[in-house]
Amino acid sequence: MGEKNLVCLSLVFLAAAVAVLAGHAHGADICAKADYVPLCRSMAKGAANNPAVALKVAMEKMIVETKRAKAASAKIGKSPALLLCAENYGYNISYLQECLMLLKIKDKNTLMIRLSAVVATYGVCDDAIGESGIVTQAASLVSIDKRLTQMTSNCLHFTSLT
């Protein structure tokens, strides 16, 4: 009789362990399938393999970097393309702040939509710079946009894991 209880207890323990581990099915590396793996790993550092934590930290970093990009666009000049970039950076700051709220309330679908809008908005800036012929003058901004676009792609990856 004691052995029967031990077997049942072992099965209960095994089931509990499986249930707990199922919540952490992301394995040892939440960045393994990201588009930009090295950048993803640097973004997820300190997140304890938790995609929601990594996403929050990444979006907070992106807000700071987007504010820097907005300030940089104003310093480069006053061309219509740069004014458009500054305006779009303002939109992305708002979108990213909204994304933090969406993460908090676990609205994954709207979060994915907003992050996709962020990617597109960075792209609009790059397109405007290219079309206006100021690529050399605004090369630093294009570089920042590229990194922010890659960060947003990784944020979409983190969102898919939440």
Protein backbone atom coordinates (compact mmCIF):
# COMPACT_ATOMS: atom_id res chain seq x y z
CA MET A 1 0.00 0.00 0.00
CA GLY A 2 2.84 2.37 0.82
CA GLU A 3 4.44 1.67 -2.54
CA LYS A 4 1.18 2.54 -4.31
CA ASN A 5 1.07 5.91 -2.54
CA LEU A 6 4.71 6.52 -3.41
CA VAL A 7 4.02 5.82 -7.10
CA CYS A 8 1.01 8.17 -7.03
CA LEU A 9 3.03 10.84 -5.27
CA SER A 10 5.81 10.45 -7.85
CA LEU A 11 3.31 10.84 -10.69
CA VAL A 12 1.82 13.94 -9.07
CA PHE A 13 5.31 15.41 -8.69
CA LEU A 14 6.14 14.60 -12.32
CA ALA A 15 2.89 16.20 -13.54
CA ALA A 16 3.57 19.32 -11.47
CA ALA A 17 7.12 19.57 -12.82
CA VAL A 18 5.87 19.25 -16.40
CA ALA A 19 3.24 21.93 -15.79
CA VAL A 20 5.79 24.32 -14.30
CA LEU A 21 8.33 23.71 -17.05
CA ALA A 22 5.69 24.13 -19.76
CA GLY A 23 5.47 27.77 -18.73
CA HIS A 24 9.19 28.07 -19.47
CA ALA A 25 9.19 26.28 -22.81
CA HIS A 26 11.44 28.92 -24.33
CA GLY A 27 14.47 26.83 -23.45
CA ALA A 28 17.90 28.14 -22.77
CA ASP A 29 17.93 30.88 -25.40
CA ILE A 30 14.90 33.03 -26.18
CA CYS A 31 16.92 34.64 -28.97
CA ALA A 32 17.79 31.49 -30.91
CA LYS A 33 15.12 32.16 -33.57
CA ALA A 34 15.28 35.96 -33.60
CA ASP A 35 16.12 37.79 -36.82
CA TYR A 36 19.08 39.56 -35.21
CA VAL A 37 20.46 37.05 -32.71
CA PRO A 38 23.51 38.94 -31.33
CA LEU A 39 21.45 42.12 -30.89
CA CYS A 40 18.64 40.08 -29.36
CA ARG A 41 20.99 38.55 -26.81
CA SER A 42 22.25 41.97 -25.79
CA MET A 43 18.64 43.20 -25.55
CA ALA A 44 17.60 40.19 -23.44
CA LYS A 45 20.57 40.37 -21.08
CA GLY A 46 19.30 40.32 -17.51
CA ALA A 47 15.80 39.19 -18.51
CA ALA A 48 16.29 35.69 -17.05
CA ASN A 49 15.04 34.12 -20.28
CA ASN A 50 11.66 35.77 -19.81
CA PRO A 51 10.42 37.22 -23.13
CA ALA A 52 7.99 39.62 -21.44
CA VAL A 53 10.78 41.10 -19.30
CA ALA A 54 13.11 41.26 -22.31
CA LEU A 55 10.37 42.99 -24.32
CA LYS A 56 9.73 45.59 -21.62
CA VAL A 57 13.42 46.40 -21.22
CA ALA A 58 13.93 46.52 -25.00
CA MET A 59 11.01 48.89 -25.57
CA GLU A 60 12.24 51.17 -22.79
CA LYS A 61 15.68 51.26 -24.47
CA MET A 62 14.02 51.98 -27.81
CA ILE A 63 12.15 54.95 -26.36
CA VAL A 64 15.45 56.41 -25.15
CA GLU A 65 17.16 55.73 -28.49
CA THR A 66 14.24 57.16 -30.46
CA LYS A 67 14.38 60.35 -28.39
CA ARG A 68 18.09 60.57 -29.23
CA ALA A 69 17.32 60.05 -32.92
CA LYS A 70 14.71 62.80 -32.79
CA ALA A 71 17.23 65.20 -31.26
CA ALA A 72 19.88 64.15 -33.80
CA SER A 73 17.52 64.79 -36.72
CA ALA A 74 17.01 68.37 -35.51
CA LYS A 75 20.78 68.92 -35.28
CA ILE A 76 21.44 67.62 -38.80
CA GLY A 77 19.23 70.18 -40.49
CA LYS A 78 15.79 71.47 -41.35
CA SER A 79 15.07 69.75 -44.66
CA PRO A 80 11.52 68.46 -45.15
CA ALA A 81 12.84 64.89 -44.89
CA LEU A 82 14.46 65.56 -41.52
CA LEU A 83 11.35 67.33 -40.26
CA LEU A 84 9.35 64.27 -41.30
CA CYS A 85 11.81 62.04 -39.45
CA ALA A 86 11.49 64.14 -36.29
CA GLU A 87 7.71 63.95 -36.51
CA ASN A 88 7.81 60.18 -37.06
CA TYR A 89 10.19 59.69 -34.13
CA GLY A 90 7.60 61.48 -32.01
CA TYR A 91 4.95 59.04 -33.24
CA ASN A 92 7.19 56.09 -32.46
CA ILE A 93 7.85 57.33 -28.94
CA SER A 94 4.08 57.44 -28.41
CA TYR A 95 3.60 54.03 -30.03
CA LEU A 96 6.32 52.48 -27.86
CA GLN A 97 4.83 54.00 -24.70
CA GLU A 98 1.49 52.53 -25.76
CA CYS A 99 3.23 49.19 -26.36
CA LEU A 100 4.45 49.16 -22.76
CA MET A 101 0.85 49.56 -21.62
CA LEU A 102 -0.33 46.85 -24.04
CA LEU A 103 2.31 44.50 -22.66
CA LYS A 104 1.14 45.22 -19.14
CA ILE A 105 -2.48 44.37 -20.00
CA LYS A 106 -1.36 41.42 -22.17
CA ASP A 107 -2.99 42.62 -25.40
CA LYS A 108 -0.65 40.68 -27.66
CA ASN A 109 -2.53 41.30 -30.93
CA THR A 110 -2.59 45.08 -30.61
CA LEU A 111 1.01 45.02 -29.39
CA MET A 112 2.08 43.22 -32.58
CA ILE A 113 0.17 45.76 -34.69
CA ARG A 114 1.78 48.73 -32.93
CA LEU A 115 5.27 47.26 -33.17
CA SER A 116 4.71 46.68 -36.89
CA ALA A 117 3.70 50.34 -37.20
CA VAL A 118 6.93 51.32 -35.44
CA VAL A 119 8.99 49.40 -38.02
CA ALA A 120 7.10 51.05 -40.88
CA THR A 121 7.52 54.51 -39.39
CA TYR A 122 11.30 54.14 -39.11
CA GLY A 123 11.25 53.04 -42.75
CA VAL A 124 9.36 56.18 -43.81
CA CYS A 125 12.19 58.29 -42.40
CA ASP A 126 14.82 56.32 -44.30
CA ASP A 127 12.80 56.56 -47.52
CA ALA A 128 12.40 60.32 -47.11
CA ILE A 129 16.15 60.74 -46.56
CA GLY A 130 16.92 58.66 -49.64
CA GLU A 131 14.44 60.48 -51.85
CA SER A 132 15.65 63.90 -50.74
CA GLY A 133 19.28 63.14 -51.61
CA ILE A 134 20.67 63.81 -48.13
CA VAL A 135 21.86 60.27 -47.40
CA THR A 136 25.46 61.38 -46.79
CA GLN A 137 24.38 64.25 -44.56
CA ALA A 138 22.00 62.01 -42.61
CA ALA A 139 24.09 58.80 -42.63
CA SER A 140 24.21 58.68 -38.83
CA LEU A 141 20.41 58.87 -38.70
CA VAL A 142 20.02 56.08 -41.26
CA SER A 143 22.36 53.97 -39.12
CA ILE A 144 20.31 54.68 -35.99
CA ASP A 145 17.10 53.80 -37.87
CA LYS A 146 18.60 50.51 -39.01
CA ARG A 147 19.45 49.55 -35.44
CA LEU A 148 16.02 50.65 -34.17
CA THR A 149 14.33 48.64 -36.92
CA GLN A 150 16.36 45.57 -35.93
CA MET A 151 15.47 46.14 -32.27
CA THR A 152 11.79 46.37 -33.21
CA SER A 153 12.07 43.12 -35.16
CA ASN A 154 13.46 41.47 -32.05
CA CYS A 155 10.63 43.00 -30.00
CA LEU A 156 8.17 41.35 -32.38
CA HIS A 157 10.03 38.10 -31.75
CA PHE A 158 9.77 38.55 -27.96
CA THR A 159 6.06 39.32 -28.35
CA SER A 160 5.53 36.07 -30.24
CA LEU A 161 6.98 34.22 -27.24
CA THR A 162 4.77 35.89 -24.62
